[in-house]
């Protein structure tokens, strides 16, 4: 890989990391509150989940798409969507905890 492509790749990765940090909520920490997992395990899971999200976006998005998404999320509408998505994610995480406990208790 040439230096120019490597620099573009590094820039794209930084943009994707910013996008993931902005849009992907930490569902693990929300659901961990009622699950019986250790702190170290939870930390590893969060890191693994974040990296998976980054890898998928690197694979499926072009740099221009990532920039467009980041630009959109910087608008009033984008910020309001992120706020709504945060509420949805919180409810999903709560539901995951409930489902986990139901399945766990059923053995």
C-alpha atoms as a PDB file:
ATOM      1  CA  UNK A   1       0.000   0.000   0.000  1.00  0.00           C
ATOM      2  CA  UNK A   2       1.419   3.388  -0.953  1.00  0.00           C
ATOM      3  CA  UNK A   3       1.862   6.199   1.567  1.00  0.00           C
ATOM      4  CA  UNK A   4      -1.059   8.216   0.143  1.00  0.00           C
ATOM      5  CA  UNK A   5      -3.448   5.280   0.424  1.00  0.00           C
ATOM      6  CA  UNK A   6      -2.211   4.544   3.941  1.00  0.00           C
ATOM      7  CA  UNK A   7      -2.837   8.151   4.972  1.00  0.00           C
ATOM      8  CA  UNK A   8      -6.339   7.990   3.451  1.00  0.00           C
ATOM      9  CA  UNK A   9      -6.937   4.738   5.307  1.00  0.00           C
ATOM     10  CA  UNK A  10      -5.843   6.276   8.621  1.00  0.00           C
ATOM     11  CA  UNK A  11      -8.027   9.331   8.002  1.00  0.00           C
ATOM     12  CA  UNK A  12     -11.000   7.127   7.126  1.00  0.00           C
ATOM     13  CA  UNK A  13     -10.482   5.070  10.286  1.00  0.00           C
ATOM     14  CA  UNK A  14     -10.424   8.217  12.436  1.00  0.00           C
ATOM     15  CA  UNK A  15     -13.634   9.431  10.787  1.00  0.00           C
ATOM     16  CA  UNK A  16     -15.279   6.042  11.338  1.00  0.00           C
ATOM     17  CA  UNK A  17     -14.196   5.982  14.986  1.00  0.00           C
ATOM     18  CA  UNK A  18     -15.778   9.414  15.435  1.00  0.00           C
ATOM     19  CA  UNK A  19     -18.962   8.215  13.712  1.00  0.00           C
ATOM     20  CA  UNK A  20     -19.160   5.081  15.882  1.00  0.00           C
ATOM     21  CA  UNK A  21     -18.559   7.059  19.070  1.00  0.00           C
ATOM     22  CA  UNK A  22     -21.313   9.456  18.033  1.00  0.00           C
ATOM     23  CA  UNK A  23     -23.914   6.964  16.851  1.00  0.00           C
ATOM     24  CA  UNK A  24     -23.358   3.621  18.565  1.00  0.00           C
ATOM     25  CA  UNK A  25     -24.451   3.614  22.155  1.00  0.00           C
ATOM     26  CA  UNK A  26     -22.760   1.479  24.749  1.00  0.00           C
ATOM     27  CA  UNK A  27     -25.518  -1.104  25.026  1.00  0.00           C
ATOM     28  CA  UNK A  28     -23.225  -3.362  27.013  1.00  0.00           C
ATOM     29  CA  UNK A  29     -22.897  -0.957  29.923  1.00  0.00           C
ATOM     30  CA  UNK A  30     -26.664  -0.446  29.979  1.00  0.00           C
ATOM     31  CA  UNK A  31     -27.444  -4.158  30.018  1.00  0.00           C
ATOM     32  CA  UNK A  32     -24.547  -5.015  32.365  1.00  0.00           C
ATOM     33  CA  UNK A  33     -26.360  -3.447  35.283  1.00  0.00           C
ATOM     34  CA  UNK A  34     -28.647  -6.435  35.643  1.00  0.00           C
ATOM     35  CA  UNK A  35     -26.419  -9.163  34.201  1.00  0.00           C
ATOM     36  CA  UNK A  36     -24.027 -11.103  36.339  1.00  0.00           C
ATOM     37  CA  UNK A  37     -20.872 -10.470  34.310  1.00  0.00           C
ATOM     38  CA  UNK A  38     -17.545  -9.378  35.685  1.00  0.00           C
ATOM     39  CA  UNK A  39     -16.171  -5.907  35.111  1.00  0.00           C
ATOM     40  CA  UNK A  40     -13.199  -7.190  33.101  1.00  0.00           C
ATOM     41  CA  UNK A  41     -15.441  -9.326  30.880  1.00  0.00           C
ATOM     42  CA  UNK A  42     -17.767  -6.370  30.281  1.00  0.00           C
ATOM     43  CA  UNK A  43     -14.852  -4.143  29.360  1.00  0.00           C
ATOM     44  CA  UNK A  44     -13.555  -6.692  26.849  1.00  0.00           C
ATOM     45  CA  UNK A  45     -17.030  -7.074  25.367  1.00  0.00           C
ATOM     46  CA  UNK A  46     -17.436  -3.302  24.972  1.00  0.00           C
ATOM     47  CA  UNK A  47     -14.059  -3.015  23.229  1.00  0.00           C
ATOM     48  CA  UNK A  48     -14.834  -5.965  20.965  1.00  0.00           C
ATOM     49  CA  UNK A  49     -18.274  -4.596  20.104  1.00  0.00           C
ATOM     50  CA  UNK A  50     -16.870  -1.127  19.321  1.00  0.00           C
ATOM     51  CA  UNK A  51     -14.148  -2.601  17.105  1.00  0.00           C
ATOM     52  CA  UNK A  52     -16.729  -4.700  15.268  1.00  0.00           C
ATOM     53  CA  UNK A  53     -18.797  -1.584  14.605  1.00  0.00           C
ATOM     54  CA  UNK A  54     -15.723   0.246  13.301  1.00  0.00           C
ATOM     55  CA  UNK A  55     -14.700  -2.660  11.058  1.00  0.00           C
ATOM     56  CA  UNK A  56     -18.172  -2.945   9.538  1.00  0.00           C
ATOM     57  CA  UNK A  57     -18.337   0.756   8.733  1.00  0.00           C
ATOM     58  CA  UNK A  58     -14.829   0.718   7.260  1.00  0.00           C
ATOM     59  CA  UNK A  59     -15.923  -2.153   5.061  1.00  0.00           C
ATOM     60  CA  UNK A  60     -19.252  -0.750   3.875  1.00  0.00           C
ATOM     61  CA  UNK A  61     -18.867   3.045   3.812  1.00  0.00           C
ATOM     62  CA  UNK A  62     -16.747   5.235   1.574  1.00  0.00           C
ATOM     63  CA  UNK A  63     -14.955   8.196   3.143  1.00  0.00           C
ATOM     64  CA  UNK A  64     -17.382  10.623   1.473  1.00  0.00           C
ATOM     65  CA  UNK A  65     -20.349   8.800   3.010  1.00  0.00           C
ATOM     66  CA  UNK A  66     -18.781   8.955   6.459  1.00  0.00           C
ATOM     67  CA  UNK A  67     -18.120  12.683   6.095  1.00  0.00           C
ATOM     68  CA  UNK A  68     -21.716  13.221   4.926  1.00  0.00           C
ATOM     69  CA  UNK A  69     -23.055  11.344   7.945  1.00  0.00           C
ATOM     70  CA  UNK A  70     -20.864  13.334  10.322  1.00  0.00           C
ATOM     71  CA  UNK A  71     -21.976  16.575   8.640  1.00  0.00           C
ATOM     72  CA  UNK A  72     -25.616  15.513   8.976  1.00  0.00           C
ATOM     73  CA  UNK A  73     -25.272  14.633  12.652  1.00  0.00           C
ATOM     74  CA  UNK A  74     -23.874  18.121  13.208  1.00  0.00           C
ATOM     75  CA  UNK A  75     -27.177  19.685  12.031  1.00  0.00           C
ATOM     76  CA  UNK A  76     -30.173  20.384  14.276  1.00  0.00           C
ATOM     77  CA  UNK A  77     -32.112  17.502  12.683  1.00  0.00           C
ATOM     78  CA  UNK A  78     -29.145  15.148  13.033  1.00  0.00           C
ATOM     79  CA  UNK A  79     -28.725  16.042  16.690  1.00  0.00           C
ATOM     80  CA  UNK A  80     -32.433  15.489  17.340  1.00  0.00           C
ATOM     81  CA  UNK A  81     -32.237  12.076  15.637  1.00  0.00           C
ATOM     82  CA  UNK A  82     -29.238  11.135  17.778  1.00  0.00           C
ATOM     83  CA  UNK A  83     -31.183  12.134  20.876  1.00  0.00           C
ATOM     84  CA  UNK A  84     -34.152   9.974  19.837  1.00  0.00           C
ATOM     85  CA  UNK A  85     -31.833   7.110  18.935  1.00  0.00           C
ATOM     86  CA  UNK A  86     -30.227   7.358  22.358  1.00  0.00           C
ATOM     87  CA  UNK A  87     -33.641   6.877  23.986  1.00  0.00           C
ATOM     88  CA  UNK A  88     -34.350   3.887  21.736  1.00  0.00           C
ATOM     89  CA  UNK A  89     -30.949   2.359  22.505  1.00  0.00           C
ATOM     90  CA  UNK A  90     -31.549   2.757  26.239  1.00  0.00           C
ATOM     91  CA  UNK A  91     -34.866   0.923  25.945  1.00  0.00           C
ATOM     92  CA  UNK A  92     -33.305  -1.806  23.796  1.00  0.00           C
ATOM     93  CA  UNK A  93     -30.565  -2.300  26.389  1.00  0.00           C
ATOM     94  CA  UNK A  94     -33.172  -2.547  29.139  1.00  0.00           C
ATOM     95  CA  UNK A  95     -35.076  -5.108  27.094  1.00  0.00           C
ATOM     96  CA  UNK A  96     -31.894  -7.102  26.528  1.00  0.00           C
ATOM     97  CA  UNK A  97     -31.415  -7.260  30.282  1.00  0.00           C
ATOM     98  CA  UNK A  98     -34.967  -8.427  30.830  1.00  0.00           C
ATOM     99  CA  UNK A  99     -34.698 -11.052  28.088  1.00  0.00           C
ATOM    100  CA  UNK A 100     -31.310 -12.201  29.380  1.00  0.00           C
ATOM    101  CA  UNK A 101     -32.708 -12.670  32.876  1.00  0.00           C
ATOM    102  CA  UNK A 102     -35.815 -14.483  31.592  1.00  0.00           C
ATOM    103  CA  UNK A 103     -33.758 -16.901  29.497  1.00  0.00           C
ATOM    104  CA  UNK A 104     -31.190 -17.357  32.270  1.00  0.00           C
ATOM    105  CA  UNK A 105     -33.872 -18.124  34.843  1.00  0.00           C
ATOM    106  CA  UNK A 106     -35.537 -20.674  32.537  1.00  0.00           C
ATOM    107  CA  UNK A 107     -32.235 -22.552  32.374  1.00  0.00           C
END
